[in-house]
Amino acid sequence: MATNMQIEGSVALVTGANRGIGAAYVQALLAAGAAKVYAAARNPQALAELAAQDARVVPVALDVASDESVQAAAQALGDVTLLINNAGVGHNADILAAADLSAARSELEVNYFGVLRMARAFAPTLAKNGGGALVNVLSILSLVAAPGMASYSASKAAAFSLTQSIRAKLRAQGTLVVGVMPGFVDTDMIRSIQAAKIAPADVAEATLQAIRSGEEDVFPGEQAAGVAQWLRQDPKAVERSFAG
């Protein structure tokens, strides 16, 4: 178990902060006493409502799929102590029947390479500011594939492996690296899926509690926790279940 950190007084950066889980993170951080929250999105105008609610919210233009955008953010935001890599995409394209690989490439570009860009750019900042914490918002599909969301699952599995490697690399500088793996969350990305879903606020609160306690792998909600337990007991049964 790695070191923990206090949310109160922290300076956080949340990617994909304009809606869904990202917006819930911003609200949870403010409620927990963060000193400043950089709320990042490709279109900072989408963050105007969040910024109007609390002077601690600072909108930031950031595209995690762009090397230049990420580097500019790292240069400008030198006081970050808590990085939450939340930005993600899911296209639900058929892995074999899709006309081309554009959807799969897009998911990897954001869900995997975006996390890698942010970690590379902000690891020195976290080290300079005492270690802090880096959070990667993944999915229970990091651990078991859903064929209907195959390339999304693959991108999140890659990001899970990356999270383990980042954790190993940053342990020496005292940075807590947390992987968050919820099941279905009530967001626009999966609005068409008919299944039990947890609220974005539940994901945010479970994450902040993990940061406080130094927990590295988080499974918000009963669905994700149940799948994680089932995977430990019978991974092939889980694979067959998700294949259906």
Protein backbone atom coordinates (compact mmCIF):
# COMPACT_ATOMS: atom_id res chain seq x y z
CA MET A 1 0.00 0.00 0.00
CA ALA A 2 1.44 3.34 -1.05
CA THR A 3 1.44 6.62 0.81
CA ASN A 4 -1.78 8.55 1.21
CA MET A 5 -2.46 12.28 0.91
CA GLN A 6 -4.88 14.87 2.18
CA ILE A 7 -7.46 16.34 -0.19
CA GLU A 8 -7.87 19.44 1.94
CA GLY A 9 -5.53 22.14 0.69
CA SER A 10 -4.56 20.20 -2.44
CA VAL A 11 -4.29 21.66 -5.95
CA ALA A 12 -6.06 19.29 -8.31
CA LEU A 13 -6.23 18.94 -12.08
CA VAL A 14 -9.18 17.02 -13.51
CA THR A 15 -9.27 16.17 -17.22
CA GLY A 16 -12.61 15.79 -18.98
CA ALA A 17 -14.14 17.96 -16.27
CA ASN A 18 -17.02 19.43 -18.26
CA ARG A 19 -19.57 16.69 -17.54
CA GLY A 20 -20.25 13.25 -16.08
CA ILE A 21 -17.61 11.79 -13.79
CA GLY A 22 -15.25 14.70 -14.39
CA ALA A 23 -17.75 17.28 -13.18
CA ALA A 24 -18.49 15.06 -10.16
CA TYR A 25 -14.78 15.02 -9.31
CA VAL A 26 -14.68 18.81 -9.36
CA GLN A 27 -17.64 19.06 -7.00
CA ALA A 28 -16.26 16.37 -4.66
CA LEU A 29 -12.85 18.03 -4.50
CA LEU A 30 -14.39 21.38 -3.64
CA ALA A 31 -16.52 19.81 -0.93
CA ALA A 32 -13.42 18.07 0.47
CA GLY A 33 -11.57 21.36 0.82
CA ALA A 34 -9.24 21.46 -2.19
CA ALA A 35 -7.50 24.82 -2.41
CA LYS A 36 -7.80 24.96 -6.20
CA VAL A 37 -9.27 22.76 -8.92
CA TYR A 38 -8.08 23.10 -12.49
CA ALA A 39 -11.07 21.88 -14.51
CA ALA A 40 -9.82 20.85 -17.94
CA ALA A 41 -11.66 20.22 -21.19
CA ARG A 42 -11.05 20.70 -24.90
CA ASN A 43 -13.59 23.53 -24.85
CA PRO A 44 -13.11 25.61 -21.67
CA GLN A 45 -16.36 27.48 -22.35
CA ALA A 46 -18.14 24.28 -21.33
CA LEU A 47 -16.72 24.83 -17.84
CA ALA A 48 -18.23 28.28 -17.33
CA GLU A 49 -21.06 27.03 -15.10
CA LEU A 50 -18.68 25.09 -12.85
CA ALA A 51 -16.34 28.08 -12.57
CA ALA A 52 -19.21 30.41 -11.71
CA GLN A 53 -20.12 28.27 -8.70
CA ASP A 54 -16.80 28.55 -6.90
CA ALA A 55 -13.78 30.83 -7.33
CA ARG A 56 -11.49 27.88 -6.64
CA VAL A 57 -12.40 26.37 -10.04
CA VAL A 58 -10.00 27.42 -12.81
CA PRO A 59 -11.06 26.42 -16.36
CA VAL A 60 -8.23 25.05 -18.51
CA ALA A 61 -8.19 24.30 -22.24
CA LEU A 62 -6.64 20.85 -22.58
CA ASP A 63 -6.75 18.11 -25.22
CA VAL A 64 -5.09 14.96 -23.87
CA ALA A 65 -4.71 13.68 -27.45
CA SER A 66 -2.36 16.58 -28.27
CA ASP A 67 1.31 16.61 -27.22
CA GLU A 68 1.41 20.39 -27.54
CA SER A 69 -1.71 20.93 -25.44
CA VAL A 70 -0.50 18.65 -22.65
CA GLN A 71 2.96 20.21 -22.57
CA ALA A 72 1.48 23.71 -22.44
CA ALA A 73 -0.69 22.69 -19.49
CA ALA A 74 2.26 21.19 -17.64
CA GLN A 75 4.25 24.38 -18.09
CA ALA A 76 1.38 26.58 -16.91
CA LEU A 77 0.11 24.51 -13.97
CA GLY A 78 3.19 24.09 -11.85
CA ASP A 79 1.38 23.86 -8.51
CA VAL A 80 -0.60 20.64 -9.14
CA THR A 81 -0.44 18.07 -6.34
CA LEU A 82 -3.28 15.81 -7.47
CA LEU A 83 -3.82 14.73 -11.09
CA ILE A 84 -7.04 12.95 -12.06
CA ASN A 85 -6.87 11.50 -15.58
CA ASN A 86 -10.58 11.22 -16.26
CA ALA A 87 -10.92 12.18 -19.96
CA GLY A 88 -12.03 9.22 -22.06
CA VAL A 89 -13.95 8.19 -25.16
CA GLY A 90 -15.97 5.13 -26.18
CA HIS A 91 -17.36 4.55 -29.66
CA ASN A 92 -18.89 1.05 -29.32
CA ALA A 93 -17.74 0.13 -32.83
CA ASP A 94 -17.78 -3.53 -33.83
CA ILE A 95 -14.23 -4.79 -33.47
CA LEU A 96 -14.36 -6.93 -36.64
CA ALA A 97 -17.15 -5.46 -38.76
CA ALA A 98 -16.36 -1.74 -38.47
CA ALA A 99 -15.53 -0.10 -41.79
CA ASP A 100 -12.06 0.90 -40.54
CA LEU A 101 -9.96 1.19 -37.38
CA SER A 102 -10.66 4.86 -36.70
CA ALA A 103 -12.81 4.21 -33.62
CA ALA A 104 -10.26 1.87 -32.08
CA ARG A 105 -7.44 4.31 -32.78
CA SER A 106 -9.42 7.16 -31.24
CA GLU A 107 -10.05 5.19 -28.06
CA LEU A 108 -6.39 4.24 -27.72
CA GLU A 109 -5.29 7.82 -28.44
CA VAL A 110 -7.36 9.22 -25.58
CA ASN A 111 -7.78 6.34 -23.13
CA TYR A 112 -4.19 5.05 -23.30
CA PHE A 113 -1.87 7.59 -24.92
CA GLY A 114 -3.71 10.47 -23.25
CA VAL A 115 -3.01 8.97 -19.82
CA LEU A 116 0.61 8.36 -20.80
CA ARG A 117 1.05 11.95 -22.04
CA MET A 118 -0.37 13.37 -18.85
CA ALA A 119 1.74 11.12 -16.61
CA ARG A 120 4.94 11.97 -18.47
CA ALA A 121 4.18 15.69 -18.39
CA PHE A 122 3.06 15.99 -14.76
CA ALA A 123 5.22 13.44 -12.93
CA PRO A 124 7.98 16.03 -12.44
CA THR A 125 5.42 18.53 -11.14
CA LEU A 126 4.10 16.05 -8.60
CA ALA A 127 7.65 15.23 -7.51
CA LYS A 128 8.49 18.91 -7.08
CA ASN A 129 5.37 19.42 -4.99
CA GLY A 130 6.01 16.56 -2.58
CA GLY A 131 4.71 13.50 -4.43
CA GLY A 132 0.96 13.90 -4.24
CA ALA A 133 -1.27 11.51 -6.17
CA LEU A 134 -2.06 10.51 -9.74
CA VAL A 135 -5.45 8.94 -10.46
CA ASN A 136 -6.35 7.07 -13.63
CA VAL A 137 -10.07 6.56 -14.23
CA LEU A 138 -10.26 3.15 -15.88
CA SER A 139 -13.17 0.67 -15.96
CA ILE A 140 -13.99 -2.83 -14.77
CA LEU A 141 -13.53 -3.59 -18.49
CA SER A 142 -9.82 -3.05 -17.85
CA LEU A 143 -9.92 -6.56 -16.36
CA VAL A 144 -12.48 -8.36 -18.51
CA ALA A 145 -13.49 -7.62 -22.10
CA ALA A 146 -17.02 -6.83 -23.24
CA PRO A 147 -17.11 -7.85 -26.95
CA GLY A 148 -19.74 -5.21 -27.68
CA MET A 149 -17.24 -2.60 -26.46
CA ALA A 150 -14.15 -4.49 -27.57
CA SER A 151 -11.77 -1.72 -28.58
CA TYR A 152 -12.84 0.37 -25.58
CA SER A 153 -12.12 -2.62 -23.34
CA ALA A 154 -8.73 -3.06 -25.00
CA SER A 155 -7.83 0.60 -24.50
CA LYS A 156 -8.76 0.43 -20.82
CA ALA A 157 -6.84 -2.84 -20.37
CA ALA A 158 -3.80 -1.11 -21.84
CA ALA A 159 -4.34 1.82 -19.48
CA PHE A 160 -4.57 -0.58 -16.52
CA SER A 161 -1.20 -2.10 -17.41
CA LEU A 162 0.18 1.41 -17.88
CA THR A 163 -1.13 2.38 -14.45
CA GLN A 164 0.82 -0.47 -12.86
CA SER A 165 4.00 0.66 -14.62
CA ILE A 166 3.49 4.31 -13.67
CA ARG A 167 2.94 3.22 -10.06
CA ALA A 168 6.24 1.36 -10.05
CA LYS A 169 8.10 4.28 -11.60
CA LEU A 170 6.65 6.94 -9.30
CA ARG A 171 6.81 5.06 -6.01
CA ALA A 172 10.29 6.39 -5.30
CA GLN A 173 9.11 10.00 -5.51
CA GLY A 174 6.27 9.33 -3.08
CA THR A 175 3.43 9.62 -5.60
CA LEU A 176 0.33 7.54 -4.88
CA VAL A 177 -1.01 6.06 -8.15
CA VAL A 178 -4.66 5.00 -8.04
CA GLY A 179 -6.58 3.00 -10.64
CA VAL A 180 -10.36 3.50 -10.50
CA MET A 181 -12.44 0.70 -12.04
CA PRO A 182 -16.19 1.27 -11.85
CA GLY A 183 -18.86 -0.71 -13.64
CA PHE A 184 -21.63 1.11 -15.49
CA VAL A 185 -21.84 4.78 -14.52
CA ASP A 186 -24.79 7.01 -15.38
CA THR A 187 -23.09 9.17 -18.03
CA ASP A 188 -23.77 10.16 -21.63
CA MET A 189 -21.28 7.56 -22.90
CA ILE A 190 -23.49 4.62 -21.92
CA ARG A 191 -26.89 6.29 -21.82
CA SER A 192 -28.29 3.78 -24.34
CA ILE A 193 -27.25 0.74 -22.27
CA GLN A 194 -30.05 -0.68 -20.17
CA ALA A 195 -28.36 -1.81 -16.95
CA ALA A 196 -27.95 -0.86 -13.32
CA LYS A 197 -25.70 2.21 -13.06
CA ILE A 198 -24.08 4.13 -10.24
CA ALA A 199 -23.96 7.90 -9.98
CA PRO A 200 -20.82 9.79 -11.03
CA ALA A 201 -20.70 11.24 -7.51
CA ASP A 202 -20.26 7.72 -6.12
CA VAL A 203 -17.17 7.21 -8.29
CA ALA A 204 -15.73 10.53 -7.16
CA GLU A 205 -16.32 9.88 -3.48
CA ALA A 206 -14.82 6.36 -3.63
CA THR A 207 -11.77 7.82 -5.34
CA LEU A 208 -11.21 10.54 -2.76
CA GLN A 209 -11.54 8.02 0.04
CA ALA A 210 -8.92 5.83 -1.67
CA ILE A 211 -6.55 8.80 -1.93
CA ARG A 212 -6.98 9.52 1.76
CA SER A 213 -6.33 5.89 2.75
CA GLY A 214 -3.61 5.11 0.21
CA GLU A 215 -5.65 2.46 -1.62
CA GLU A 216 -4.28 1.73 -5.10
CA ASP A 217 -7.12 -0.20 -6.82
CA VAL A 218 -10.68 1.06 -6.39
CA PHE A 219 -13.90 -0.65 -7.54
CA PRO A 220 -16.74 1.83 -6.97
CA GLY A 221 -20.21 0.32 -6.65
CA GLU A 222 -21.51 -3.16 -5.97
CA GLN A 223 -21.31 -4.22 -9.62
CA ALA A 224 -17.58 -3.51 -10.00
CA ALA A 225 -16.74 -4.89 -6.56
CA GLY A 226 -18.67 -8.06 -7.35
CA VAL A 227 -16.96 -8.58 -10.70
CA ALA A 228 -13.55 -7.99 -9.11
CA GLN A 229 -14.28 -10.64 -6.49
CA TRP A 230 -15.61 -13.06 -9.13
CA LEU A 231 -12.47 -12.54 -11.22
CA ARG A 232 -10.36 -13.63 -8.27
CA GLN A 233 -12.45 -16.79 -7.91
CA ASP A 234 -13.19 -17.86 -11.50
CA PRO A 235 -11.85 -15.58 -14.26
CA LYS A 236 -12.94 -17.85 -17.10
CA ALA A 237 -16.52 -17.82 -15.85
CA VAL A 238 -16.42 -14.02 -15.86
CA GLU A 239 -15.04 -14.00 -19.40
CA ARG A 240 -17.82 -16.29 -20.62
CA SER A 241 -20.45 -14.21 -18.85
CA PHE A 242 -19.26 -10.97 -20.42
CA ALA A 243 -19.03 -12.66 -23.81
CA GLY A 244 -22.79 -13.09 -23.65
